Every structure is written in C-alpha cells, then in structure tokens.
Protein backbone atom coordinates (compact mmCIF):
# COMPACT_ATOMS: atom_id res chain seq x y z
CA MET A 1 17.38 -56.77 -18.64
CA THR A 2 17.87 -59.65 -16.23
CA ASP A 3 18.79 -63.16 -17.38
CA ILE A 4 15.47 -64.52 -16.08
CA GLY A 5 13.40 -62.56 -18.57
CA PRO A 6 10.85 -59.79 -18.16
CA ILE A 7 8.54 -59.20 -15.24
CA LYS A 8 5.34 -61.24 -15.69
CA LEU A 9 3.46 -60.50 -12.46
CA VAL A 10 2.98 -57.30 -10.48
CA CYS A 11 1.65 -57.62 -6.92
CA LEU A 12 0.24 -54.34 -5.62
CA ASP A 13 -0.76 -53.43 -2.09
CA LEU A 14 -4.23 -51.97 -1.66
CA ALA A 15 -4.66 -49.38 1.13
CA GLY A 16 -2.12 -46.56 0.79
CA THR A 17 -0.77 -47.84 -2.52
CA THR A 18 -3.61 -48.24 -5.01
CA ILE A 19 -6.23 -46.47 -2.88
CA GLY A 20 -5.52 -43.44 -0.71
CA ASP A 21 -7.42 -44.25 2.45
CA ILE A 22 -4.79 -44.12 5.19
CA ALA A 23 -6.90 -41.78 7.35
CA THR A 24 -10.00 -43.98 6.97
CA VAL A 25 -8.06 -47.05 8.09
CA GLU A 26 -6.61 -45.25 11.10
CA ARG A 27 -10.05 -43.96 12.16
CA ALA A 28 -11.42 -47.49 11.96
CA PHE A 29 -8.56 -48.75 14.14
CA ALA A 30 -9.20 -45.96 16.67
CA GLU A 31 -12.91 -46.77 16.82
CA ALA A 32 -12.18 -50.47 17.20
CA ILE A 33 -9.82 -50.15 20.14
CA ALA A 34 -12.11 -47.58 21.79
CA THR A 35 -14.82 -50.25 22.04
CA GLN A 36 -12.30 -52.26 24.09
CA GLY A 37 -11.63 -49.41 26.52
CA ILE A 38 -8.56 -47.84 24.90
CA VAL A 39 -9.60 -44.25 24.29
CA PRO A 40 -7.85 -41.13 22.94
CA GLY A 41 -5.86 -39.10 25.44
CA THR A 42 -4.47 -42.09 27.31
CA GLY A 43 -1.02 -43.65 27.20
CA ALA A 44 -2.55 -46.97 26.20
CA TYR A 45 -4.17 -45.33 23.18
CA ALA A 46 -0.90 -43.70 22.10
CA ARG A 47 0.95 -47.03 22.39
CA ALA A 48 -1.77 -48.86 20.49
CA MET A 49 -1.72 -46.39 17.60
CA VAL A 50 2.08 -46.61 17.39
CA HIS A 51 1.65 -50.36 17.07
CA VAL A 52 -0.98 -49.82 14.35
CA HIS A 53 1.38 -47.59 12.39
CA ARG A 54 4.31 -50.00 12.68
CA SER A 55 2.12 -52.92 11.66
CA ARG A 56 0.62 -51.40 8.51
CA GLY A 57 0.33 -53.99 5.79
CA CYS A 58 -0.12 -56.87 8.25
CA PRO A 59 -3.40 -58.78 8.65
CA LYS A 60 -5.77 -56.67 10.72
CA ILE A 61 -6.53 -59.47 13.16
CA GLU A 62 -2.79 -59.87 13.83
CA VAL A 63 -2.54 -56.14 14.58
CA PHE A 64 -5.28 -56.49 17.19
CA ARG A 65 -3.64 -59.59 18.64
CA GLY A 66 -0.56 -57.45 19.15
CA ILE A 67 -2.59 -54.78 20.94
CA PHE A 68 -4.47 -57.32 23.10
CA PRO A 69 -1.88 -60.08 23.67
CA GLY A 70 -3.29 -63.23 25.20
CA ASN A 71 -6.89 -62.10 24.81
CA GLU A 72 -8.24 -63.63 21.61
CA ALA A 73 -11.84 -62.67 22.36
CA GLN A 74 -10.90 -59.01 22.71
CA ALA A 75 -8.81 -59.09 19.54
CA GLN A 76 -11.65 -60.69 17.58
CA ALA A 77 -14.18 -58.20 18.92
CA ALA A 78 -11.96 -55.27 17.96
CA ASN A 79 -11.36 -56.76 14.53
CA LEU A 80 -15.10 -57.11 13.93
CA THR A 81 -15.63 -53.47 14.93
CA PHE A 82 -12.81 -52.42 12.61
CA GLU A 83 -14.41 -54.19 9.65
CA ARG A 84 -17.83 -52.70 10.34
CA SER A 85 -16.39 -49.21 10.81
CA TYR A 86 -14.21 -49.30 7.70
CA GLU A 87 -16.84 -50.86 5.46
CA GLY A 88 -19.45 -48.40 6.70
CA ALA A 89 -17.12 -45.48 6.00
CA ILE A 90 -16.41 -46.53 2.43
CA GLU A 91 -20.09 -47.18 1.75
CA ARG A 92 -20.89 -43.64 2.88
CA ALA A 93 -17.95 -41.77 1.37
CA GLY A 94 -16.57 -44.10 -1.29
CA LEU A 95 -12.90 -44.67 -2.00
CA VAL A 96 -10.40 -42.56 -3.90
CA PRO A 97 -7.98 -44.47 -6.16
CA MET A 98 -4.40 -43.21 -6.17
CA PRO A 99 -3.69 -40.91 -9.13
CA GLY A 100 -3.30 -42.83 -12.38
CA VAL A 101 -3.83 -46.27 -10.83
CA VAL A 102 -6.40 -47.50 -13.36
CA GLU A 103 -4.14 -46.36 -16.18
CA VAL A 104 -1.30 -48.33 -14.56
CA PHE A 105 -3.50 -51.45 -14.42
CA ASP A 106 -4.44 -51.03 -18.07
CA LYS A 107 -0.88 -50.41 -19.21
CA LEU A 108 0.54 -53.41 -17.38
CA ARG A 109 -2.19 -55.81 -18.44
CA GLY A 110 -2.14 -54.41 -21.97
CA ALA A 111 1.55 -55.36 -22.12
CA GLY A 112 0.71 -58.94 -21.12
CA LEU A 113 1.55 -58.75 -17.41
CA HIS A 114 -0.65 -60.18 -14.68
CA VAL A 115 -1.76 -57.80 -11.91
CA ALA A 116 -2.66 -59.02 -8.42
CA LEU A 117 -3.84 -57.01 -5.43
CA VAL A 118 -2.59 -58.16 -2.03
CA THR A 119 -3.97 -56.83 1.24
CA GLY A 120 -4.13 -57.24 4.99
CA PHE A 121 -7.93 -56.83 4.88
CA SER A 122 -10.21 -59.81 5.44
CA ARG A 123 -11.96 -61.44 2.50
CA THR A 124 -15.24 -59.70 3.43
CA THR A 125 -13.62 -56.25 3.50
CA LEU A 126 -11.61 -56.92 0.34
CA SER A 127 -14.77 -57.90 -1.53
CA ARG A 128 -16.52 -54.74 -0.36
CA VAL A 129 -13.56 -52.59 -1.46
CA LEU A 130 -13.50 -54.15 -4.93
CA SER A 131 -17.25 -53.67 -5.24
CA VAL A 132 -17.11 -49.99 -4.23
CA LEU A 133 -14.26 -49.35 -6.68
CA GLY A 134 -15.66 -51.50 -9.48
CA TRP A 135 -12.26 -53.16 -9.90
CA HIS A 136 -13.32 -56.80 -10.27
CA ASP A 137 -12.38 -56.77 -13.97
CA LYS A 138 -9.34 -54.51 -13.58
CA VAL A 139 -7.01 -57.07 -12.00
CA ASP A 140 -6.32 -60.78 -12.45
CA LEU A 141 -6.39 -61.69 -8.78
CA ALA A 142 -7.15 -60.13 -5.38
CA ILE A 143 -5.63 -61.95 -2.41
CA CYS A 144 -6.10 -61.65 1.35
CA PRO A 145 -4.35 -63.54 4.18
CA GLU A 146 -7.19 -66.07 4.40
CA ASP A 147 -6.40 -67.19 0.85
CA ALA A 148 -2.71 -67.82 1.43
CA GLY A 149 -2.40 -68.95 5.05
CA ARG A 150 -0.35 -66.05 6.38
CA GLY A 151 -0.29 -62.35 5.64
CA ARG A 152 2.60 -59.92 5.51
CA PRO A 153 5.43 -59.69 6.43
CA TRP A 154 5.41 -63.34 5.28
CA PRO A 155 5.61 -63.88 1.51
CA ASP A 156 2.68 -66.30 1.30
CA MET A 157 0.23 -64.04 -0.56
CA ILE A 158 2.79 -63.25 -3.26
CA LEU A 159 3.70 -66.91 -3.66
CA HIS A 160 0.01 -67.78 -3.78
CA ALA A 161 -0.34 -65.39 -6.73
CA VAL A 162 2.70 -66.96 -8.42
CA LEU A 163 1.11 -70.41 -8.17
CA ARG A 164 -2.40 -69.32 -9.13
CA LEU A 165 -1.23 -67.42 -12.21
CA GLY A 166 1.37 -69.95 -13.35
CA ILE A 167 4.44 -67.73 -13.10
CA GLU A 168 7.56 -69.79 -13.85
CA ASP A 169 10.08 -67.98 -11.66
CA VAL A 170 9.60 -65.78 -8.60
CA ARG A 171 12.24 -63.46 -10.04
CA GLN A 172 9.68 -62.55 -12.71
CA VAL A 173 7.62 -60.82 -10.02
CA ALA A 174 7.44 -57.16 -8.97
CA VAL A 175 5.97 -56.21 -5.60
CA VAL A 176 4.88 -52.66 -4.79
CA GLY A 177 3.63 -51.21 -1.51
CA ASP A 178 3.92 -48.30 0.88
CA SER A 179 4.85 -50.09 4.10
CA GLU A 180 7.93 -51.78 5.51
CA ASN A 181 5.95 -55.00 5.77
CA ASP A 182 5.20 -54.87 2.04
CA MET A 183 8.94 -54.63 1.40
CA LEU A 184 9.75 -57.51 3.76
CA ALA A 185 7.19 -59.76 2.09
CA GLY A 186 8.50 -58.84 -1.36
CA ARG A 187 12.12 -59.58 -0.50
CA ARG A 188 11.23 -62.84 1.25
CA SER A 189 9.27 -63.96 -1.82
CA GLY A 190 12.33 -63.62 -4.08
CA ALA A 191 10.77 -60.94 -6.29
CA SER A 192 13.28 -59.06 -8.49
CA VAL A 193 11.54 -55.70 -8.08
CA VAL A 194 10.39 -54.54 -4.65
CA GLY A 195 9.08 -51.03 -5.07
CA GLY A 196 8.48 -48.72 -2.15
CA LEU A 197 5.86 -46.04 -2.79
CA MET A 198 6.92 -42.93 -0.89
CA THR A 199 3.49 -41.27 -0.84
CA GLY A 200 2.11 -43.80 1.63
CA VAL A 201 2.31 -44.69 5.29
CA HIS A 202 6.01 -45.41 5.95
CA SER A 203 9.11 -43.27 5.47
CA ARG A 204 11.83 -43.72 2.88
CA ASP A 205 14.16 -45.14 5.52
CA ARG A 206 11.65 -47.74 6.62
CA LEU A 207 11.00 -48.79 3.03
CA VAL A 208 14.72 -49.15 2.40
CA ASN A 209 15.26 -51.03 5.65
CA GLY A 210 12.45 -53.36 4.69
CA GLY A 211 14.22 -54.31 1.48
CA ALA A 212 13.03 -51.94 -1.26
CA THR A 213 14.98 -52.24 -4.51
CA HIS A 214 13.26 -49.21 -6.04
CA LEU A 215 11.65 -46.09 -4.61
CA LEU A 216 8.66 -44.63 -6.43
CA HIS A 217 7.45 -41.05 -6.04
CA ALA A 218 4.17 -42.00 -7.70
CA LEU A 219 2.53 -45.21 -8.83
CA ALA A 220 2.57 -43.86 -12.38
CA GLU A 221 6.34 -44.50 -12.43
CA LEU A 222 5.83 -48.25 -12.08
CA PRO A 223 5.25 -49.23 -15.75
CA GLU A 224 8.60 -47.72 -16.75
CA VAL A 225 10.34 -49.83 -14.10
CA VAL A 226 8.72 -53.17 -14.94
CA LEU A 227 8.30 -52.75 -18.70
CA GLY A 228 11.59 -51.03 -19.42
CA GLY A 229 13.70 -53.94 -18.23
CA GLU A 230 15.43 -51.79 -15.61
CA HIS A 231 15.36 -54.46 -12.92
CA ASN A 232 18.78 -53.82 -11.47
CA TYR A 233 19.25 -52.71 -7.89
CA ASP A 234 18.69 -49.00 -7.36
CA PRO A 235 22.12 -47.38 -6.71
CA GLN A 236 20.58 -44.72 -4.45
CA ILE A 237 19.24 -47.44 -2.19
CA ALA A 238 22.57 -49.24 -2.17
CA LYS A 239 24.23 -46.01 -1.09
CA ALA A 240 21.63 -45.43 1.62
CA ARG A 241 22.30 -48.85 3.05
CA GLY A 242 26.00 -48.05 3.17
C-alpha cells in the first residue's frame, strides 16, 4: 500500500480497452481518407494507416490533421466522414464489450471507487457509443477531448476527471488503456497506476515505452491491482526498461 492511500478513481480508455472495436475504427478511418482521395493500394494509403495506428488514443480530428497537414478543411471533412461511418456501423452491428468489463465496473464502483471513461472520440460519437451500450449508469463520468481542452497524449482528460470527481491527489488515480498514448497521458497526469492492456492495439514494448507501470492480460485483472493495494512499480517492466 502506498503512503497516499488507496486508489479512488479509475480512468478507462474506450475503444480497444472496454469495447473491442479496433477493426470498426480502422474501417471508419479507411473510409474517411478514401473520400479525400487516399485509397487502398497506394503508398499514401499505407502511410496514412501507419499514422492512424501510431496515433491510436489521440483525438480523431488530430489524427486527420496529421494525415492532411496544413489543410484544415480536408481534415474536418475526413473527420465528419469518420464519425458518420463509425456511428453508422455501430448502429447496424452494435458494439461488443470486452470480456468481463461490466463486472469490472460493478466491482470497482461497489468498492467505492469512481470510474471514468476517457476517449479520443468526439462528444457526439461518445454519446452514441454510450447509448448503444446502455452504459450511462455504469460509470461516473465519460470524457472526450472537447470536455478537457486537449486529448491524449496530454493528461487533460484525466485531470478533468480528478477535478470533476473531487479526487484529493492525482496519485490516487489508476489509468488503463491499450495504446502508447494512453500510457503517456497516464504518466503525465501523475497517476500511480498506469495499466497497459495487452489485448488491444499496441504491443507490449510500446506500452512499456509509453510509461506503463502494470501490464494486464485481461481487463478482469484490474480490480486485483487497484483494490489489493499492489500499487508498486511492476518489476518485469523495470527489467524491460533496463
């Protein structure tokens, strides 16, 4: 147990962490850039999708600004197509929560912890996701970049949750995600636990390089980490960093 007390807030990423829709997101990105003339089979398409993969966890509009530098109109148009494509896909096919995620929510909140969802989606898309899943009453807060000012890799969304929920110390926060940008945001926020979920979009090495303190093979492992008081640095990660 740390000298700052138990974890009081858990900030969880959405896509790839609490819902398993990596392929749906990537298809929406592909459709969006295709409307701007970047089509499969070209070098430009390959470079754009590499950028998408590297930027997972970041605000979607910032991803498109990286693909179309200096052309705000093109970035905005692609972002609008992305939102329509993704929201249409989840309306048709629904969303699949990661195994055990609702039980994790219930266990954490039942133990008195706050649970916040943080995402790179826009407010409109986030609201649609929560509606499709029926999660409005499952978490205490759901935050997008528009709420906090900046999205990941900046820590603003996590700090916004700390302020909104009245957490006394940022070290009483756990952050969990599946991308390097999730890890960067968690470490920059000062959270004691920064958990990298290894079933998501980025590799173990990228999670560790981003600042993970713990590696999770499944989200179901999270309650043991944050409720058991085992907040010390993971020795396997320390070894990996050399």
